[in-house]
Amino acid sequence: MKDYKIRIKLKSAFGTPWQSDTIFGHLCWQVAYGVLDLTIEEFLKPFLEGNPPFILSDGFPVIIDEKNKEINEEISTVPKPLLKMPPMEIEDVNDYRMGKKRKKSPYLSIDDFLKLRRGEILNAEPLDDPWELNITSHASLDRNSFTTGDSGEGGFYDTEEYVLPQKEKYRHIEPAVEIYLRVEDGWVERVGKLFEGLSTVGYGRDKSVGLGVFKMDGITEFDGFADFEGANGFISLSTMVPAESDPTDARYRLRVKYGKVGEGAFISVDDEGQINPFKRPLLQMEPGAVFRVDGGIKPFYGRMVKDVVHGRENIVQNCYSLAVPCIVGD
């Protein structure tokens, strides 16, 4: 399998984070709509059999490098791995603040990440989280009284949107995210077609009101994640659920995914006969998880999760992880 980097230009705010399992679900709908010469059953078969033809990472933001803007105005980011870091020496309040920033920072530059995974640096320059959360308030009206009063069905509610804000002097640089792709021969063009198809309908929640607009900006080869002598573990770059056979010596952060079935599937019925658009809650590992491995490192770990929707066995969740070999210290 070869590695590539997919660059996506963001044309609007987004209501749904760029998580690998969610991205894959959107691509499945493109298959179902006929973008490829495969049925959705044919497309999913190798994933369900444990031989996925491609693996996606989460989508990571591209940020502006204001320190070296004349040389390189953009920095590709990846999640900060949960490798064991030596403690910082604190001599003054600035060191203390930098230590807190390093601890909380969710991202590293790709250059620092590649050095860190090989043990070439012990600490890396922290990067602030560039995503900005906007909250928009709405009012829904009771159709009988045309008010938002407490006695009716009307009311107030908020929605959340994620944006990569632009500074005025960098207006010529469009906000972007990058997704890493590990793929078998013959599948790069297919994955590109799926993303192109997805770009025509939008990504995530509230597409009908203008969220989730993006444009494909190319797929390029990437050779930074190759295996190397001395690697004894891997860093996950995807939203992951481990398989039973995966290694258990790990450092990770967890989140609970409250997924929703796609708009073309809608209906599941719960035990009480009620229509339910939600998937079962799913406990997942966030990107940046680190696993120690005995023996050779595989290109991917994780699994397809079944039984995520009551009564709908054909609906599954892709929780495979793109594995980047690394050195895990004691």
C-alpha atoms as a PDB file:
ATOM      1  CA  MET A   1       0.000   0.000   0.000  1.00  0.00           C
ATOM      2  CA  LYS A   2       1.179   3.536  -0.789  1.00  0.00           C
ATOM      3  CA  ASP A   3       0.562   6.765   1.097  1.00  0.00           C
ATOM      4  CA  TYR A   4      -1.018   9.911  -0.324  1.00  0.00           C
ATOM      5  CA  LYS A   5      -2.219  13.242   0.998  1.00  0.00           C
ATOM      6  CA  ILE A   6      -5.616  14.637   0.031  1.00  0.00           C
ATOM      7  CA  ARG A   7      -5.905  18.402   0.270  1.00  0.00           C
ATOM      8  CA  ILE A   8      -9.342  19.941   0.660  1.00  0.00           C
ATOM      9  CA  LYS A   9     -10.150  23.650   0.484  1.00  0.00           C
ATOM     10  CA  LEU A  10     -12.887  24.756   2.852  1.00  0.00           C
ATOM     11  CA  LYS A  11     -15.478  27.055   1.298  1.00  0.00           C
ATOM     12  CA  SER A  12     -17.784  27.387   4.314  1.00  0.00           C
ATOM     13  CA  ALA A  13     -18.162  26.567   7.975  1.00  0.00           C
ATOM     14  CA  PHE A  14     -18.714  22.928   8.961  1.00  0.00           C
ATOM     15  CA  GLY A  15     -21.216  21.396  11.328  1.00  0.00           C
ATOM     16  CA  THR A  16     -19.475  18.012  11.494  1.00  0.00           C
ATOM     17  CA  PRO A  17     -15.810  17.356  12.458  1.00  0.00           C
ATOM     18  CA  TRP A  18     -13.557  15.688   9.878  1.00  0.00           C
ATOM     19  CA  GLN A  19     -13.313  12.277  11.554  1.00  0.00           C
ATOM     20  CA  SER A  20     -12.218   9.287   9.501  1.00  0.00           C
ATOM     21  CA  ASP A  21     -15.268   7.103  10.182  1.00  0.00           C
ATOM     22  CA  THR A  22     -17.630   9.960   9.311  1.00  0.00           C
ATOM     23  CA  ILE A  23     -15.710  10.747   6.111  1.00  0.00           C
ATOM     24  CA  PHE A  24     -15.876   7.079   5.101  1.00  0.00           C
ATOM     25  CA  GLY A  25     -19.633   7.017   5.688  1.00  0.00           C
ATOM     26  CA  HIS A  26     -20.039   9.982   3.318  1.00  0.00           C
ATOM     27  CA  LEU A  27     -17.961   8.173   0.685  1.00  0.00           C
ATOM     28  CA  CYS A  28     -20.174   5.099   1.050  1.00  0.00           C
ATOM     29  CA  TRP A  29     -23.173   7.212   0.083  1.00  0.00           C
ATOM     30  CA  GLN A  30     -21.337   8.288  -3.055  1.00  0.00           C
ATOM     31  CA  VAL A  31     -20.860   4.621  -3.911  1.00  0.00           C
ATOM     32  CA  ALA A  32     -24.560   4.005  -3.286  1.00  0.00           C
ATOM     33  CA  TYR A  33     -25.392   6.922  -5.605  1.00  0.00           C
ATOM     34  CA  GLY A  34     -23.429   5.252  -8.427  1.00  0.00           C
ATOM     35  CA  VAL A  35     -20.171   7.226  -8.537  1.00  0.00           C
ATOM     36  CA  LEU A  36     -18.168   3.987  -8.896  1.00  0.00           C
ATOM     37  CA  ASP A  37     -18.809   0.865 -10.941  1.00  0.00           C
ATOM     38  CA  LEU A  38     -19.451  -1.060  -7.718  1.00  0.00           C
ATOM     39  CA  THR A  39     -22.507  -1.736  -5.613  1.00  0.00           C
ATOM     40  CA  ILE A  40     -22.263  -0.723  -1.972  1.00  0.00           C
ATOM     41  CA  GLU A  41     -22.166  -4.420  -1.013  1.00  0.00           C
ATOM     42  CA  GLU A  42     -19.212  -5.018  -3.358  1.00  0.00           C
ATOM     43  CA  PHE A  43     -17.495  -1.897  -2.058  1.00  0.00           C
ATOM     44  CA  LEU A  44     -17.834  -2.876   1.629  1.00  0.00           C
ATOM     45  CA  LYS A  45     -16.967  -6.566   1.218  1.00  0.00           C
ATOM     46  CA  PRO A  46     -13.135  -6.285   1.531  1.00  0.00           C
ATOM     47  CA  PHE A  47     -13.500  -3.925   4.508  1.00  0.00           C
ATOM     48  CA  LEU A  48     -15.757  -6.419   6.275  1.00  0.00           C
ATOM     49  CA  GLU A  49     -13.337  -9.262   5.464  1.00  0.00           C
ATOM     50  CA  GLY A  50     -10.408  -7.422   7.061  1.00  0.00           C
ATOM     51  CA  ASN A  51      -8.672  -6.457   3.800  1.00  0.00           C
ATOM     52  CA  PRO A  52      -9.540  -2.782   3.257  1.00  0.00           C
ATOM     53  CA  PRO A  53      -8.302  -1.407  -0.079  1.00  0.00           C
ATOM     54  CA  PHE A  54      -7.758   2.001   1.508  1.00  0.00           C
ATOM     55  CA  ILE A  55      -7.467   3.600   4.940  1.00  0.00           C
ATOM     56  CA  LEU A  56      -8.243   7.222   5.766  1.00  0.00           C
ATOM     57  CA  SER A  57      -6.894   9.441   8.517  1.00  0.00           C
ATOM     58  CA  ASP A  58      -8.940  12.148  10.149  1.00  0.00           C
ATOM     59  CA  GLY A  59      -8.802  15.557   8.477  1.00  0.00           C
ATOM     60  CA  PHE A  60      -6.160  17.879   9.976  1.00  0.00           C
ATOM     61  CA  PRO A  61      -6.036  21.664   9.564  1.00  0.00           C
ATOM     62  CA  VAL A  62      -3.448  23.558   7.567  1.00  0.00           C
ATOM     63  CA  ILE A  63      -2.347  26.638   9.500  1.00  0.00           C
ATOM     64  CA  ILE A  64      -0.447  29.828   8.717  1.00  0.00           C
ATOM     65  CA  ASP A  65       3.236  30.003   9.659  1.00  0.00           C
ATOM     66  CA  GLU A  66       3.543  33.621  10.701  1.00  0.00           C
ATOM     67  CA  LYS A  67       7.137  33.243  11.914  1.00  0.00           C
ATOM     68  CA  ASN A  68       8.484  32.267   8.486  1.00  0.00           C
ATOM     69  CA  LYS A  69       5.839  33.618   6.143  1.00  0.00           C
ATOM     70  CA  GLU A  70       8.355  34.606   3.472  1.00  0.00           C
ATOM     71  CA  ILE A  71       9.653  31.041   3.249  1.00  0.00           C
ATOM     72  CA  ASN A  72       6.649  28.854   3.921  1.00  0.00           C
ATOM     73  CA  GLU A  73       3.283  30.387   4.712  1.00  0.00           C
ATOM     74  CA  GLU A  74       1.505  27.139   5.504  1.00  0.00           C
ATOM     75  CA  ILE A  75       2.101  24.316   7.984  1.00  0.00           C
ATOM     76  CA  SER A  76       0.595  20.870   7.605  1.00  0.00           C
ATOM     77  CA  THR A  77      -0.470  19.532  10.996  1.00  0.00           C
ATOM     78  CA  VAL A  78      -1.039  16.121  12.540  1.00  0.00           C
ATOM     79  CA  PRO A  79      -2.300  15.202  16.031  1.00  0.00           C
ATOM     80  CA  LYS A  80       0.207  15.324  18.850  1.00  0.00           C
ATOM     81  CA  PRO A  81       1.027  11.668  19.636  1.00  0.00           C
ATOM     82  CA  LEU A  82       0.777  10.411  23.205  1.00  0.00           C
ATOM     83  CA  LEU A  83       4.431   9.458  23.326  1.00  0.00           C
ATOM     84  CA  LYS A  84       6.188   9.745  26.660  1.00  0.00           C
ATOM     85  CA  MET A  85       7.814  13.194  26.808  1.00  0.00           C
ATOM     86  CA  PRO A  86      10.564  14.315  29.198  1.00  0.00           C
ATOM     87  CA  PRO A  87       9.463  16.987  31.686  1.00  0.00           C
ATOM     88  CA  MET A  88      10.384  20.574  30.881  1.00  0.00           C
ATOM     89  CA  GLU A  89      12.797  22.459  33.098  1.00  0.00           C
ATOM     90  CA  ILE A  90      10.844  25.363  34.588  1.00  0.00           C
ATOM     91  CA  GLU A  91      12.995  28.393  35.351  1.00  0.00           C
ATOM     92  CA  ASP A  92      10.512  31.233  35.026  1.00  0.00           C
ATOM     93  CA  VAL A  93       6.875  32.000  34.335  1.00  0.00           C
ATOM     94  CA  ASN A  94       7.398  31.891  30.565  1.00  0.00           C
ATOM     95  CA  ASP A  95       8.688  28.313  30.807  1.00  0.00           C
ATOM     96  CA  TYR A  96       5.638  27.432  32.891  1.00  0.00           C
ATOM     97  CA  ARG A  97       3.273  28.906  30.311  1.00  0.00           C
ATOM     98  CA  MET A  98       5.055  27.125  27.477  1.00  0.00           C
ATOM     99  CA  GLY A  99       4.809  23.847  29.393  1.00  0.00           C
ATOM    100  CA  LYS A 100       1.058  24.262  29.805  1.00  0.00           C
ATOM    101  CA  LYS A 101       0.689  25.148  26.142  1.00  0.00           C
ATOM    102  CA  ARG A 102       2.710  22.106  25.085  1.00  0.00           C
ATOM    103  CA  LYS A 103       0.583  19.844  27.278  1.00  0.00           C
ATOM    104  CA  LYS A 104      -2.741  21.151  25.946  1.00  0.00           C
ATOM    105  CA  SER A 105      -1.775  21.652  22.317  1.00  0.00           C
ATOM    106  CA  PRO A 106      -3.589  19.135  20.069  1.00  0.00           C
ATOM    107  CA  TYR A 107      -1.349  19.435  16.986  1.00  0.00           C
ATOM    108  CA  LEU A 108       2.252  19.291  15.803  1.00  0.00           C
ATOM    109  CA  SER A 109       3.695  20.369  12.483  1.00  0.00           C
ATOM    110  CA  ILE A 110       4.247  17.446  10.142  1.00  0.00           C
ATOM    111  CA  ASP A 111       8.018  18.110  10.221  1.00  0.00           C
ATOM    112  CA  ASP A 112       8.190  17.866  14.027  1.00  0.00           C
ATOM    113  CA  PHE A 113       5.927  14.803  13.981  1.00  0.00           C
ATOM    114  CA  LEU A 114       8.215  12.947  11.567  1.00  0.00           C
ATOM    115  CA  LYS A 115      11.249  13.707  13.748  1.00  0.00           C
ATOM    116  CA  LEU A 116       9.428  12.796  16.943  1.00  0.00           C
ATOM    117  CA  ARG A 117       8.276   9.419  15.649  1.00  0.00           C
ATOM    118  CA  ARG A 118      11.915   8.488  14.943  1.00  0.00           C
ATOM    119  CA  GLY A 119      13.129   9.708  18.329  1.00  0.00           C
ATOM    120  CA  GLU A 120      15.160  12.524  16.745  1.00  0.00           C
ATOM    121  CA  ILE A 121      13.650  15.162  19.059  1.00  0.00           C
ATOM    122  CA  LEU A 122      12.250  14.744  22.555  1.00  0.00           C
ATOM    123  CA  ASN A 123       9.975  17.762  22.596  1.00  0.00           C
ATOM    124  CA  ALA A 124       8.363  19.661  19.781  1.00  0.00           C
ATOM    125  CA  GLU A 125       7.034  23.159  19.227  1.00  0.00           C
ATOM    126  CA  PRO A 126       3.361  23.166  20.288  1.00  0.00           C
ATOM    127  CA  LEU A 127       0.702  24.496  17.943  1.00  0.00           C
ATOM    128  CA  ASP A 128      -2.535  26.103  19.058  1.00  0.00           C
ATOM    129  CA  ASP A 129      -5.829  24.595  17.986  1.00  0.00           C
ATOM    130  CA  PRO A 130      -6.829  26.698  14.941  1.00  0.00           C
ATOM    131  CA  TRP A 131     -10.457  25.582  14.850  1.00  0.00           C
ATOM    132  CA  GLU A 132     -12.929  28.215  15.964  1.00  0.00           C
ATOM    133  CA  LEU A 133     -16.332  27.218  17.305  1.00  0.00           C
ATOM    134  CA  ASN A 134     -19.230  29.496  16.383  1.00  0.00           C
ATOM    135  CA  ILE A 135     -22.585  29.109  18.111  1.00  0.00           C
ATOM    136  CA  THR A 136     -25.709  30.322  16.325  1.00  0.00           C
ATOM    137  CA  SER A 137     -29.019  30.748  18.144  1.00  0.00           C
ATOM    138  CA  HIS A 138     -32.310  29.863  16.459  1.00  0.00           C
ATOM    139  CA  ALA A 139     -35.994  30.069  17.274  1.00  0.00           C
ATOM    140  CA  SER A 140     -38.564  27.480  16.285  1.00  0.00           C
ATOM    141  CA  LEU A 141     -42.225  28.461  16.279  1.00  0.00           C
ATOM    142  CA  ASP A 142     -45.225  26.573  17.550  1.00  0.00           C
ATOM    143  CA  ARG A 143     -47.347  26.055  14.420  1.00  0.00           C
ATOM    144  CA  ASN A 144     -50.550  26.723  16.353  1.00  0.00           C
ATOM    145  CA  SER A 145     -49.617  29.897  18.214  1.00  0.00           C
ATOM    146  CA  PHE A 146     -46.712  31.081  16.000  1.00  0.00           C
ATOM    147  CA  THR A 147     -44.744  31.827  19.170  1.00  0.00           C
ATOM    148  CA  THR A 148     -41.799  30.263  20.990  1.00  0.00           C
ATOM    149  CA  GLY A 149     -43.765  30.063  24.237  1.00  0.00           C
ATOM    150  CA  ASP A 150     -43.110  27.340  26.798  1.00  0.00           C
ATOM    151  CA  SER A 151     -46.610  25.893  26.487  1.00  0.00           C
ATOM    152  CA  GLY A 152     -46.260  24.931  22.836  1.00  0.00           C
ATOM    153  CA  GLU A 153     -43.754  23.111  20.661  1.00  0.00           C
ATOM    154  CA  GLY A 154     -41.716  26.207  19.853  1.00  0.00           C
ATOM    155  CA  GLY A 155     -38.476  27.160  21.531  1.00  0.00           C
ATOM    156  CA  PHE A 156     -34.905  28.368  21.253  1.00  0.00           C
ATOM    157  CA  TYR A 157     -31.941  26.206  20.365  1.00  0.00           C
ATOM    158  CA  ASP A 158     -28.279  26.591  19.375  1.00  0.00           C
ATOM    159  CA  THR A 159     -26.232  25.016  16.597  1.00  0.00           C
ATOM    160  CA  GLU A 160     -22.445  24.745  16.456  1.00  0.00           C
ATOM    161  CA  GLU A 161     -20.224  25.450  13.464  1.00  0.00           C
ATOM    162  CA  TYR A 162     -16.485  24.966  13.021  1.00  0.00           C
ATOM    163  CA  VAL A 163     -14.356  27.344  10.967  1.00  0.00           C
ATOM    164  CA  LEU A 164     -10.706  28.011  10.239  1.00  0.00           C
ATOM    165  CA  PRO A 165     -10.607  31.806  10.589  1.00  0.00           C
ATOM    166  CA  GLN A 166      -8.583  33.876   8.120  1.00  0.00           C
ATOM    167  CA  LYS A 167      -6.501  36.879   9.047  1.00  0.00           C
ATOM    168  CA  GLU A 168      -6.841  39.840   6.733  1.00  0.00           C
ATOM    169  CA  LYS A 169      -3.253  39.743   5.481  1.00  0.00           C
ATOM    170  CA  TYR A 170      -3.601  36.052   4.564  1.00  0.00           C
ATOM    171  CA  ARG A 171      -6.843  36.348   2.612  1.00  0.00           C
ATOM    172  CA  HIS A 172      -5.050  34.966  -0.438  1.00  0.00           C
ATOM    173  CA  ILE A 173      -4.626  31.611   1.354  1.00  0.00           C
ATOM    174  CA  GLU A 174      -7.808  29.542   1.506  1.00  0.00           C
ATOM    175  CA  PRO A 175      -8.499  27.493   4.665  1.00  0.00           C
ATOM    176  CA  ALA A 176      -7.747  23.817   4.117  1.00  0.00           C
ATOM    177  CA  VAL A 177      -7.635  20.415   5.758  1.00  0.00           C
ATOM    178  CA  GLU A 178      -5.502  17.447   4.763  1.00  0.00           C
ATOM    179  CA  ILE A 179      -6.442  13.781   4.925  1.00  0.00           C
ATOM    180  CA  TYR A 180      -3.822  11.035   4.665  1.00  0.00           C
ATOM    181  CA  LEU A 181      -4.672   8.040   2.527  1.00  0.00           C
ATOM    182  CA  ARG A 182      -3.052   4.585   2.531  1.00  0.00           C
ATOM    183  CA  VAL A 183      -4.236   2.756  -0.527  1.00  0.00           C
ATOM    184  CA  GLU A 184      -3.744  -0.298  -2.711  1.00  0.00           C
ATOM    185  CA  ASP A 185      -2.834  -0.012  -6.387  1.00  0.00           C
ATOM    186  CA  GLY A 186      -5.777   0.923  -8.561  1.00  0.00           C
ATOM    187  CA  TRP A 187      -7.759   2.654  -5.829  1.00  0.00           C
ATOM    188  CA  VAL A 188      -6.313   6.171  -5.820  1.00  0.00           C
ATOM    189  CA  GLU A 189      -8.437   7.274  -8.757  1.00  0.00           C
ATOM    190  CA  ARG A 190     -11.524   5.670  -7.231  1.00  0.00           C
ATOM    191  CA  VAL A 191     -11.052   7.473  -3.913  1.00  0.00           C
ATOM    192  CA  GLY A 192     -10.515  10.719  -5.812  1.00  0.00           C
ATOM    193  CA  LYS A 193     -13.818  10.204  -7.658  1.00  0.00           C
ATOM    194  CA  LEU A 194     -15.618   9.627  -4.366  1.00  0.00           C
ATOM    195  CA  PHE A 195     -14.288  12.865  -2.891  1.00  0.00           C
ATOM    196  CA  GLU A 196     -15.132  14.754  -6.067  1.00  0.00           C
ATOM    197  CA  GLY A 197     -18.655  13.390  -5.887  1.00  0.00           C
ATOM    198  CA  LEU A 198     -18.918  14.330  -2.228  1.00  0.00           C
ATOM    199  CA  SER A 199     -17.801  17.879  -2.998  1.00  0.00           C
ATOM    200  CA  THR A 200     -20.899  18.364  -5.156  1.00  0.00           C
ATOM    201  CA  VAL A 201     -23.284  17.694  -2.247  1.00  0.00           C
ATOM    202  CA  GLY A 202     -21.283  18.872   0.786  1.00  0.00           C
ATOM    203  CA  TYR A 203     -20.043  17.306   3.996  1.00  0.00           C
ATOM    204  CA  GLY A 204     -21.772  16.813   7.310  1.00  0.00           C
ATOM    205  CA  ARG A 205     -24.681  18.436   9.064  1.00  0.00           C
ATOM    206  CA  ASP A 206     -26.821  21.240   7.608  1.00  0.00           C
ATOM    207  CA  LYS A 207     -25.618  20.968   4.030  1.00  0.00           C
ATOM    208  CA  SER A 208     -29.021  22.288   2.950  1.00  0.00           C
ATOM    209  CA  VAL A 209     -28.354  25.661   4.604  1.00  0.00           C
ATOM    210  CA  GLY A 210     -24.839  26.181   3.298  1.00  0.00           C
ATOM    211  CA  LEU A 211     -22.532  24.292   5.655  1.00  0.00           C
ATOM    212  CA  GLY A 212     -20.009  21.687   4.527  1.00  0.00           C
ATOM    213  CA  VAL A 213     -18.962  23.244   1.213  1.00  0.00           C
ATOM    214  CA  PHE A 214     -15.498  22.191   0.044  1.00  0.00           C
ATOM    215  CA  LYS A 215     -13.396  21.694  -3.063  1.00  0.00           C
ATOM    216  CA  MET A 216     -10.845  19.003  -3.822  1.00  0.00           C
ATOM    217  CA  ASP A 217      -7.362  20.468  -4.224  1.00  0.00           C
ATOM    218  CA  GLY A 218      -5.489  17.386  -5.361  1.00  0.00           C
ATOM    219  CA  ILE A 219      -4.059  14.057  -4.193  1.00  0.00           C
ATOM    220  CA  THR A 220      -0.268  13.841  -3.937  1.00  0.00           C
ATOM    221  CA  GLU A 221       2.111  11.035  -2.973  1.00  0.00           C
ATOM    222  CA  PHE A 222       3.518  11.189   0.548  1.00  0.00           C
ATOM    223  CA  ASP A 223       6.507   9.151   1.752  1.00  0.00           C
ATOM    224  CA  GLY A 224       6.950  10.403   5.317  1.00  0.00           C
ATOM    225  CA  PHE A 225       5.264   7.476   7.098  1.00  0.00           C
ATOM    226  CA  ALA A 226       7.490   4.636   5.882  1.00  0.00           C
ATOM    227  CA  ASP A 227       8.593   1.913   8.297  1.00  0.00           C
ATOM    228  CA  PHE A 228      12.149   2.102   9.628  1.00  0.00           C
ATOM    229  CA  GLU A 229      14.600  -0.034  11.574  1.00  0.00           C
ATOM    230  CA  GLY A 230      14.063   0.212  15.324  1.00  0.00           C
ATOM    231  CA  ALA A 231      10.358   1.048  15.204  1.00  0.00           C
ATOM    232  CA  ASN A 232       8.551  -0.781  18.003  1.00  0.00           C
ATOM    233  CA  GLY A 233       5.107   0.779  17.846  1.00  0.00           C
ATOM    234  CA  PHE A 234       2.727   2.915  15.855  1.00  0.00           C
ATOM    235  CA  ILE A 235       0.780   6.151  16.067  1.00  0.00           C
ATOM    236  CA  SER A 236      -2.844   6.102  14.982  1.00  0.00           C
ATOM    237  CA  LEU A 237      -3.942   8.951  12.723  1.00  0.00           C
ATOM    238  CA  SER A 238      -7.587   7.875  12.575  1.00  0.00           C
ATOM    239  CA  THR A 239     -10.675   7.531  14.706  1.00  0.00           C
ATOM    240  CA  MET A 240     -10.177   3.944  15.844  1.00  0.00           C
ATOM    241  CA  VAL A 241     -11.849   0.961  17.508  1.00  0.00           C
ATOM    242  CA  PRO A 242      -9.244  -1.787  18.083  1.00  0.00           C
ATOM    243  CA  ALA A 243      -9.754  -5.317  16.841  1.00  0.00           C
ATOM    244  CA  GLU A 244      -9.524  -8.241  19.238  1.00  0.00           C
ATOM    245  CA  SER A 245      -6.069  -9.153  17.893  1.00  0.00           C
ATOM    246  CA  ASP A 246      -4.633  -5.610  18.112  1.00  0.00           C
ATOM    247  CA  PRO A 247      -1.896  -4.794  20.659  1.00  0.00           C
ATOM    248  CA  THR A 248      -3.053  -3.710  24.116  1.00  0.00           C
ATOM    249  CA  ASP A 249      -0.006  -1.805  25.397  1.00  0.00           C
ATOM    250  CA  ALA A 250      -1.279   1.646  24.491  1.00  0.00           C
ATOM    251  CA  ARG A 251      -1.726   5.287  25.448  1.00  0.00           C
ATOM    252  CA  TYR A 252      -4.916   6.872  24.141  1.00  0.00           C
ATOM    253  CA  ARG A 253      -7.750   9.324  24.643  1.00  0.00           C
ATOM    254  CA  LEU A 254     -11.357   8.207  24.282  1.00  0.00           C
ATOM    255  CA  ARG A 255     -14.475   9.870  22.970  1.00  0.00           C
ATOM    256  CA  VAL A 256     -18.058   8.691  22.613  1.00  0.00           C
ATOM    257  CA  LYS A 257     -19.487   8.951  19.098  1.00  0.00           C
ATOM    258  CA  TYR A 258     -23.215   9.575  18.901  1.00  0.00           C
ATOM    259  CA  GLY A 259     -23.542   8.872  15.208  1.00  0.00           C
ATOM    260  CA  LYS A 260     -26.539   9.313  12.983  1.00  0.00           C
ATOM    261  CA  VAL A 261     -27.586   7.251   9.981  1.00  0.00           C
ATOM    262  CA  GLY A 262     -27.291   8.985   6.621  1.00  0.00           C
ATOM    263  CA  GLU A 263     -30.135  10.975   5.181  1.00  0.00           C
ATOM    264  CA  GLY A 264     -30.832   8.267   2.622  1.00  0.00           C
ATOM    265  CA  ALA A 265     -31.273   5.547   5.276  1.00  0.00           C
ATOM    266  CA  PHE A 266     -33.255   7.416   7.936  1.00  0.00           C
ATOM    267  CA  ILE A 267     -35.191   4.831   9.698  1.00  0.00           C
ATOM    268  CA  SER A 268     -34.364   2.410  12.425  1.00  0.00           C
ATOM    269  CA  VAL A 269     -36.921   1.244  14.948  1.00  0.00           C
ATOM    270  CA  ASP A 270     -36.040   0.800  18.602  1.00  0.00           C
ATOM    271  CA  ASP A 271     -37.371  -1.835  21.014  1.00  0.00           C
ATOM    272  CA  GLU A 272     -40.465   0.263  21.705  1.00  0.00           C
ATOM    273  CA  GLY A 273     -41.311   0.671  18.034  1.00  0.00           C
ATOM    274  CA  GLN A 274     -40.183   4.298  17.836  1.00  0.00           C
ATOM    275  CA  ILE A 275     -38.373   5.707  14.819  1.00  0.00           C
ATOM    276  CA  ASN A 276     -34.790   6.468  15.783  1.00  0.00           C
ATOM    277  CA  PRO A 277     -32.276   8.181  13.447  1.00  0.00           C
ATOM    278  CA  PHE A 278     -29.306   7.649  15.797  1.00  0.00           C
ATOM    279  CA  LYS A 279     -26.713   4.927  15.913  1.00  0.00           C
ATOM    280  CA  ARG A 280     -25.776   3.255  19.156  1.00  0.00           C
ATOM    281  CA  PRO A 281     -23.147   5.211  21.146  1.00  0.00           C
ATOM    282  CA  LEU A 282     -19.670   4.038  20.192  1.00  0.00           C
ATOM    283  CA  LEU A 283     -16.506   4.373  22.284  1.00  0.00           C
ATOM    284  CA  GLN A 284     -13.584   5.336  20.032  1.00  0.00           C
ATOM    285  CA  MET A 285      -9.895   6.200  20.325  1.00  0.00           C
ATOM    286  CA  GLU A 286      -8.930   9.644  19.105  1.00  0.00           C
ATOM    287  CA  PRO A 287      -6.068  10.191  16.620  1.00  0.00           C
ATOM    288  CA  GLY A 288      -2.687  10.383  18.330  1.00  0.00           C
ATOM    289  CA  ALA A 289      -3.051   7.079  20.204  1.00  0.00           C
ATOM    290  CA  VAL A 290       0.242   5.196  20.552  1.00  0.00           C
ATOM    291  CA  PHE A 291       0.610   1.399  20.631  1.00  0.00           C
ATOM    292  CA  ARG A 292       3.660  -0.723  21.410  1.00  0.00           C
ATOM    293  CA  VAL A 293       3.980  -3.646  19.000  1.00  0.00           C
ATOM    294  CA  ASP A 294       5.811  -6.961  19.354  1.00  0.00           C
ATOM    295  CA  GLY A 295       6.967  -7.957  15.888  1.00  0.00           C
ATOM    296  CA  GLY A 296       6.309  -6.314  12.554  1.00  0.00           C
ATOM    297  CA  ILE A 297       4.065  -3.267  12.230  1.00  0.00           C
ATOM    298  CA  LYS A 298       1.037  -3.614   9.959  1.00  0.00           C
ATOM    299  CA  PRO A 299      -0.190  -0.857   7.605  1.00  0.00           C
ATOM    300  CA  PHE A 300      -3.454  -0.603   9.523  1.00  0.00           C
ATOM    301  CA  TYR A 301      -5.183  -1.730  12.696  1.00  0.00           C
ATOM    302  CA  GLY A 302      -8.723  -1.504  14.035  1.00  0.00           C
ATOM    303  CA  ARG A 303     -11.881  -2.960  12.519  1.00  0.00           C
ATOM    304  CA  MET A 304     -15.316  -2.489  11.042  1.00  0.00           C
ATOM    305  CA  VAL A 305     -17.865  -2.216  13.851  1.00  0.00           C
ATOM    306  CA  LYS A 306     -21.135  -4.031  13.261  1.00  0.00           C
ATOM    307  CA  ASP A 307     -24.519  -3.813  14.994  1.00  0.00           C
ATOM    308  CA  VAL A 308     -24.395  -0.019  15.313  1.00  0.00           C
ATOM    309  CA  VAL A 309     -28.080   0.451  14.398  1.00  0.00           C
ATOM    310  CA  HIS A 310     -30.917  -1.535  15.924  1.00  0.00           C
ATOM    311  CA  GLY A 311     -32.397  -3.896  13.369  1.00  0.00           C
ATOM    312  CA  ARG A 312     -30.098  -2.797  10.528  1.00  0.00           C
ATOM    313  CA  GLU A 313     -27.269  -5.307  10.220  1.00  0.00           C
ATOM    314  CA  ASN A 314     -26.144  -3.838   6.895  1.00  0.00           C
ATOM    315  CA  ILE A 315     -25.103  -0.553   8.557  1.00  0.00           C
ATOM    316  CA  VAL A 316     -21.515  -0.624   9.846  1.00  0.00           C
ATOM    317  CA  GLN A 317     -18.913   1.833  11.131  1.00  0.00           C
ATOM    318  CA  ASN A 318     -15.413   1.984   9.646  1.00  0.00           C
ATOM    319  CA  CYS A 319     -12.983   2.274  12.564  1.00  0.00           C
ATOM    320  CA  TYR A 320      -9.794   1.133  10.844  1.00  0.00           C
ATOM    321  CA  SER A 321      -6.713   3.181  11.666  1.00  0.00           C
ATOM    322  CA  LEU A 322      -3.842   4.380   9.497  1.00  0.00           C
ATOM    323  CA  ALA A 323      -0.749   3.275  11.455  1.00  0.00           C
ATOM    324  CA  VAL A 324       2.474   5.318  11.419  1.00  0.00           C
ATOM    325  CA  PRO A 325       5.525   3.367  12.723  1.00  0.00           C
ATOM    326  CA  CYS A 326       7.337   5.020  15.633  1.00  0.00           C
ATOM    327  CA  ILE A 327       9.737   4.462  18.499  1.00  0.00           C
ATOM    328  CA  VAL A 328       7.925   3.983  21.811  1.00  0.00           C
ATOM    329  CA  GLY A 329      10.155   4.678  24.798  1.00  0.00           C
ATOM    330  CA  ASP A 330      10.135   2.877  28.131  1.00  0.00           C
END
